[in-house]
N, C-alpha and C. Protein backbone atom coordinates (compact mmCIF):
# COMPACT_ATOMS: atom_id res chain seq x y z
N MET A 1 0.84 -1.03 -0.03
CA MET A 1 -0.12 -0.02 -0.01
C MET A 1 0.91 1.38 -0.06
N TYR A 2 0.52 2.21 -0.72
CA TYR A 2 1.01 3.34 -1.00
C TYR A 2 0.69 4.42 0.26
N THR A 3 1.87 5.27 0.77
CA THR A 3 1.58 6.23 1.86
C THR A 3 0.97 7.23 0.94
N PHE A 4 0.41 8.30 1.45
CA PHE A 4 -0.22 9.33 0.63
C PHE A 4 0.72 10.00 0.06
N PRO A 5 1.98 10.44 0.28
CA PRO A 5 2.89 10.95 -0.54
C PRO A 5 3.12 10.22 -1.80
N GLU A 6 3.48 8.92 -1.46
CA GLU A 6 3.79 7.88 -2.57
C GLU A 6 2.45 7.96 -3.65
N LEU A 7 1.20 7.75 -2.90
CA LEU A 7 -0.06 7.97 -3.84
C LEU A 7 0.09 9.13 -4.82
N LEU A 8 0.15 10.11 -4.08
CA LEU A 8 0.01 11.38 -4.94
C LEU A 8 1.06 11.46 -5.97
N LYS A 9 2.26 11.05 -5.69
CA LYS A 9 3.22 11.00 -6.97
C LYS A 9 2.92 9.58 -7.95
N GLN A 10 2.55 8.81 -7.47
CA GLN A 10 2.24 7.67 -8.49
C GLN A 10 0.83 8.23 -9.50
N ILE A 11 -0.22 8.93 -8.49
CA ILE A 11 -1.24 9.61 -9.46
C ILE A 11 -0.80 10.55 -10.50
N ARG A 12 0.21 11.32 -10.11
CA ARG A 12 0.93 12.38 -10.96
C ARG A 12 1.52 11.56 -12.33
N ILE A 13 2.27 10.73 -11.70
CA ILE A 13 3.15 10.16 -12.84
C ILE A 13 2.24 9.19 -13.77
N GLU A 14 1.12 8.47 -13.41
CA GLU A 14 0.26 7.80 -14.30
C GLU A 14 -0.62 8.76 -15.05
N GLY A 15 -0.85 10.10 -14.53
CA GLY A 15 -1.65 10.97 -15.34
C GLY A 15 -0.63 11.82 -16.35
N ASN A 16 0.81 11.19 -16.22
CA ASN A 16 1.70 12.03 -17.26
C ASN A 16 1.90 13.35 -17.01
N LEU A 17 1.90 13.69 -15.68
CA LEU A 17 2.04 15.32 -15.24
C LEU A 17 3.32 15.75 -14.53
N THR A 18 3.79 16.73 -14.72
CA THR A 18 4.82 17.26 -13.99
C THR A 18 4.31 17.57 -12.74
N GLN A 19 5.26 17.97 -11.73
CA GLN A 19 4.51 18.33 -10.40
C GLN A 19 4.06 20.03 -10.64
N GLU A 20 4.55 20.75 -11.55
CA GLU A 20 4.24 22.12 -12.04
C GLU A 20 2.57 21.95 -12.57
N GLU A 21 2.31 20.98 -13.58
CA GLU A 21 1.20 20.69 -14.02
C GLU A 21 0.19 20.20 -13.00
N LEU A 22 0.52 19.48 -12.23
CA LEU A 22 -0.37 19.00 -11.11
C LEU A 22 -0.83 20.16 -10.28
N ALA A 23 0.45 20.85 -9.88
CA ALA A 23 -0.31 21.99 -9.04
C ALA A 23 -0.98 23.04 -9.76
N ARG A 24 -0.96 23.21 -10.89
CA ARG A 24 -1.82 24.05 -11.97
C ARG A 24 -3.31 23.53 -11.81
N ALA A 25 -3.27 22.19 -11.98
CA ALA A 25 -4.52 21.43 -12.00
C ALA A 25 -5.38 21.69 -10.42
N LEU A 26 -4.68 21.61 -9.41
CA LEU A 26 -5.38 21.68 -8.06
C LEU A 26 -5.17 23.30 -7.61
N ASN A 27 -4.59 24.03 -8.46
CA ASN A 27 -4.62 25.55 -8.29
C ASN A 27 -3.86 25.77 -6.76
N VAL A 28 -2.65 25.12 -6.77
CA VAL A 28 -1.48 24.86 -5.70
C VAL A 28 -0.16 25.32 -5.98
N SER A 29 0.54 25.55 -5.31
CA SER A 29 2.01 25.69 -5.58
C SER A 29 2.57 24.49 -6.06
N THR A 30 3.66 24.68 -6.72
CA THR A 30 4.49 23.44 -7.24
C THR A 30 5.53 23.07 -6.03
N VAL A 31 5.75 24.10 -5.26
CA VAL A 31 6.53 23.90 -3.98
C VAL A 31 5.67 23.02 -3.09
N LEU A 32 4.50 23.08 -3.00
CA LEU A 32 3.58 22.40 -2.14
C LEU A 32 3.48 20.88 -2.45
N ILE A 33 3.49 20.69 -3.94
CA ILE A 33 3.30 19.51 -4.49
C ILE A 33 4.70 18.54 -4.20
N SER A 34 5.86 19.24 -4.27
CA SER A 34 6.98 18.65 -3.88
C SER A 34 7.44 18.49 -2.56
N MET A 35 6.71 19.27 -1.59
CA MET A 35 7.07 19.14 -0.21
C MET A 35 6.04 17.98 0.35
N ILE A 36 4.66 17.89 -0.34
CA ILE A 36 4.12 16.56 0.06
C ILE A 36 4.63 15.36 -0.50
N GLU A 37 5.18 15.52 -1.65
CA GLU A 37 5.76 14.04 -2.11
C GLU A 37 7.12 13.69 -1.55
N THR A 38 7.69 14.58 -1.07
CA THR A 38 8.77 14.52 -0.23
C THR A 38 8.76 14.24 1.11
N LYS A 39 7.48 14.02 1.73
CA LYS A 39 7.11 13.93 3.11
C LYS A 39 7.41 15.22 4.00
N GLN A 40 7.75 16.52 3.55
CA GLN A 40 8.33 17.67 4.23
C GLN A 40 7.05 18.45 4.76
N LYS A 41 5.68 17.99 4.24
CA LYS A 41 4.60 18.85 4.69
C LYS A 41 3.67 17.54 4.75
N GLU A 42 2.75 17.98 5.66
CA GLU A 42 1.38 16.91 5.70
C GLU A 42 0.62 17.69 4.93
N VAL A 43 -0.42 16.58 4.45
CA VAL A 43 -1.51 17.09 3.56
C VAL A 43 -2.49 17.58 4.39
N SER A 44 -3.27 18.73 3.75
CA SER A 44 -4.51 19.59 4.45
C SER A 44 -5.70 18.79 4.07
N LYS A 45 -6.76 19.46 4.75
CA LYS A 45 -8.10 18.83 4.34
C LYS A 45 -8.38 19.50 3.00
N ASN A 46 -7.90 20.68 2.86
CA ASN A 46 -8.09 21.59 1.59
C ASN A 46 -7.67 20.96 0.50
N PHE A 47 -6.43 20.40 0.51
CA PHE A 47 -5.52 19.95 -0.28
C PHE A 47 -6.26 18.66 -0.65
N LEU A 48 -6.63 18.01 0.06
CA LEU A 48 -7.29 16.60 -0.27
C LEU A 48 -8.76 16.89 -0.81
N GLU A 49 -9.14 17.90 -0.50
CA GLU A 49 -10.68 18.09 -1.21
C GLU A 49 -10.27 18.66 -2.86
N LYS A 50 -9.46 19.29 -2.77
CA LYS A 50 -8.92 19.90 -4.30
C LYS A 50 -8.61 18.61 -5.18
N LEU A 51 -7.82 17.75 -4.72
CA LEU A 51 -7.37 16.46 -5.33
C LEU A 51 -8.58 15.67 -5.59
N ALA A 52 -9.54 15.41 -4.71
CA ALA A 52 -10.51 14.58 -4.98
C ALA A 52 -11.60 15.15 -6.04
N ASN A 53 -11.87 16.41 -6.03
CA ASN A 53 -12.53 17.10 -6.80
C ASN A 53 -11.94 16.93 -8.44
N SER A 54 -10.62 17.22 -8.39
CA SER A 54 -10.04 16.97 -9.72
C SER A 54 -9.95 15.63 -9.96
N LEU A 55 -10.18 14.27 -9.16
CA LEU A 55 -10.19 13.00 -9.61
C LEU A 55 -11.44 12.51 -9.95
N GLU A 56 -12.67 13.53 -9.39
CA GLU A 56 -13.84 13.38 -9.47
C GLU A 56 -14.23 12.15 -8.54
N VAL A 57 -13.62 12.16 -7.35
CA VAL A 57 -14.10 11.34 -6.25
C VAL A 57 -14.56 11.84 -4.81
N ARG A 58 -14.81 11.15 -3.88
CA ARG A 58 -15.02 11.62 -2.65
C ARG A 58 -13.90 11.89 -1.75
N PRO A 59 -13.67 12.96 -1.05
CA PRO A 59 -12.36 12.89 -0.29
C PRO A 59 -11.95 11.70 0.57
N SER A 60 -13.11 11.18 0.90
CA SER A 60 -13.00 10.06 1.72
C SER A 60 -12.43 8.70 1.17
N SER A 61 -12.57 8.76 -0.09
CA SER A 61 -11.87 7.87 -1.07
C SER A 61 -10.32 7.74 -0.70
N ILE A 62 -9.96 8.93 -0.51
CA ILE A 62 -8.41 9.07 -0.54
C ILE A 62 -7.97 9.00 0.96
N ALA A 63 -8.83 9.80 1.90
CA ALA A 63 -8.25 10.17 3.27
C ALA A 63 -7.88 8.76 4.03
N PRO A 64 -8.28 7.63 3.86
CA PRO A 64 -7.67 6.61 4.76
C PRO A 64 -6.05 6.25 4.47
N PHE A 65 -5.80 6.95 3.34
CA PHE A 65 -4.34 6.65 3.09
C PHE A 65 -3.34 8.05 3.47
N VAL A 66 -3.98 8.92 4.04
CA VAL A 66 -3.47 10.22 4.70
C VAL A 66 -2.45 9.75 5.83
N PHE A 67 -3.17 8.93 6.49
CA PHE A 67 -2.18 8.64 7.90
C PHE A 67 -1.34 7.25 7.68
N MET A 68 -1.62 6.44 6.62
CA MET A 68 -0.88 5.14 6.60
C MET A 68 0.55 5.10 6.79
N GLU A 69 1.05 4.32 7.53
CA GLU A 69 2.64 4.42 7.33
C GLU A 69 3.04 3.01 7.54
N LYS A 70 3.81 2.56 6.54
CA LYS A 70 4.36 1.47 6.21
C LYS A 70 4.91 0.63 7.44
N ASN A 71 5.74 1.18 8.25
CA ASN A 71 6.24 0.60 9.23
C ASN A 71 5.22 0.04 10.39
N HIS A 72 4.01 0.47 10.45
CA HIS A 72 3.01 0.04 11.18
C HIS A 72 2.33 -1.13 10.51
N MET A 73 2.45 -1.79 9.56
CA MET A 73 1.70 -2.78 8.82
C MET A 73 1.66 -4.08 9.66
N GLN A 74 2.70 -4.32 10.45
CA GLN A 74 2.88 -5.53 11.14
C GLN A 74 1.82 -5.70 12.44
N GLU A 75 1.51 -4.38 12.78
CA GLU A 75 0.71 -3.95 14.18
C GLU A 75 -0.71 -4.16 13.89
N LEU A 76 -0.99 -4.35 12.58
CA LEU A 76 -2.74 -4.31 12.24
C LEU A 76 -3.30 -5.70 12.59
N SER A 77 -4.43 -5.75 13.01
CA SER A 77 -5.35 -6.72 13.24
C SER A 77 -5.80 -7.23 12.03
N ASN A 78 -6.36 -8.40 11.96
CA ASN A 78 -7.05 -9.12 10.83
C ASN A 78 -7.83 -8.21 9.83
N ILE A 79 -8.57 -7.57 10.53
CA ILE A 79 -9.95 -6.71 9.92
C ILE A 79 -8.92 -5.66 9.12
N GLU A 80 -8.23 -5.14 10.01
CA GLU A 80 -7.38 -3.96 9.47
C GLU A 80 -6.68 -4.45 8.21
N ARG A 81 -6.06 -5.43 8.23
CA ARG A 81 -5.41 -6.09 7.03
C ARG A 81 -6.42 -6.22 5.88
N LYS A 82 -7.50 -6.66 6.06
CA LYS A 82 -8.74 -6.80 5.24
C LYS A 82 -8.71 -5.44 4.52
N LEU A 83 -9.07 -4.74 5.37
CA LEU A 83 -9.33 -3.03 4.95
C LEU A 83 -8.09 -2.50 4.08
N VAL A 84 -6.94 -2.86 4.50
CA VAL A 84 -5.79 -2.39 3.72
C VAL A 84 -5.95 -3.05 2.28
N ALA A 85 -6.18 -4.32 2.28
CA ALA A 85 -6.14 -5.06 0.84
C ALA A 85 -7.16 -4.13 -0.07
N VAL A 86 -8.43 -3.94 0.59
CA VAL A 86 -9.40 -3.29 -0.22
C VAL A 86 -8.71 -1.80 -0.59
N GLY A 87 -8.30 -0.90 0.53
CA GLY A 87 -7.44 0.20 0.06
C GLY A 87 -6.40 0.03 -0.93
N GLU A 88 -5.82 -0.96 -1.05
CA GLU A 88 -4.80 -1.26 -2.30
C GLU A 88 -5.69 -1.24 -3.57
N LYS A 89 -6.75 -2.01 -3.50
CA LYS A 89 -7.33 -1.99 -4.88
C LYS A 89 -7.98 -0.32 -5.02
N LEU A 90 -8.31 0.29 -4.14
CA LEU A 90 -8.73 1.61 -4.43
C LEU A 90 -7.70 2.43 -4.94
N GLN A 91 -6.51 2.23 -4.24
CA GLN A 91 -5.38 3.04 -4.90
C GLN A 91 -5.02 2.79 -6.29
N LEU A 92 -5.01 1.43 -6.56
CA LEU A 92 -4.59 1.13 -8.13
C LEU A 92 -5.84 1.80 -8.78
N TYR A 93 -7.02 1.74 -8.57
CA TYR A 93 -8.12 2.35 -9.24
C TYR A 93 -7.85 3.93 -9.34
N LEU A 94 -7.58 4.45 -8.07
CA LEU A 94 -7.30 5.82 -8.58
C LEU A 94 -5.92 6.22 -9.41
N ILE A 95 -4.97 5.50 -9.19
CA ILE A 95 -3.92 5.77 -10.10
C ILE A 95 -4.11 5.31 -11.47
N LYS A 96 -4.91 4.13 -11.89
CA LYS A 96 -4.89 3.76 -13.28
C LYS A 96 -6.02 4.29 -13.92
N THR A 97 -6.89 4.82 -13.60
CA THR A 97 -8.10 5.23 -13.84
C THR A 97 -8.43 6.63 -13.53
N LYS A 98 -8.48 7.38 -12.54
CA LYS A 98 -8.78 8.73 -12.27
C LYS A 98 -7.66 9.67 -12.39
N SER A 99 -6.48 9.17 -12.42
CA SER A 99 -5.27 10.01 -12.56
C SER A 99 -5.47 11.01 -13.94
N LYS A 100 -6.01 10.20 -15.18
CA LYS A 100 -6.09 10.67 -16.33
C LYS A 100 -7.02 12.10 -16.31
N LYS A 101 -7.81 11.95 -15.47
CA LYS A 101 -8.81 13.45 -15.35
C LYS A 101 -8.08 14.51 -14.92
N LEU A 102 -6.81 14.27 -14.44
CA LEU A 102 -6.12 15.61 -14.08
C LEU A 102 -5.43 16.54 -14.96
N LYS A 103 -5.07 15.70 -16.09
CA LYS A 103 -4.52 16.28 -17.36
C LYS A 103 -5.24 17.47 -17.83
N ARG A 104 -6.70 17.35 -17.91
CA ARG A 104 -7.86 18.32 -18.49
C ARG A 104 -7.90 19.64 -17.64
N HIS A 105 -7.33 19.47 -16.34
CA HIS A 105 -7.27 20.58 -15.42
C HIS A 105 -5.98 21.29 -15.44
N ALA A 106 -5.08 20.68 -16.10
CA ALA A 106 -3.49 21.44 -16.22
C ALA A 106 -3.58 22.18 -17.11
């Protein structure tokens, strides 16, 4: 499963966008995109809403991944692991299908 910074980068790459183009599509600064992708800045609710609107999904589709940390995966219960598996499928959907929608906003 991707962390949010990794997910954002994969969505950008699959959408064939530079950081600058993604920033333009979301009406944010290129510096903000860079800082989120490199884990220098936490994602805000406003940013999450902008990304979700551009992808044409609900923010709750993305929100579960905001706080996901790979180093805590072994601590998950069985039900949490099942939810992570569903989340991984959702991430792939966001990356492979919805990322194409960003290009038209750039």
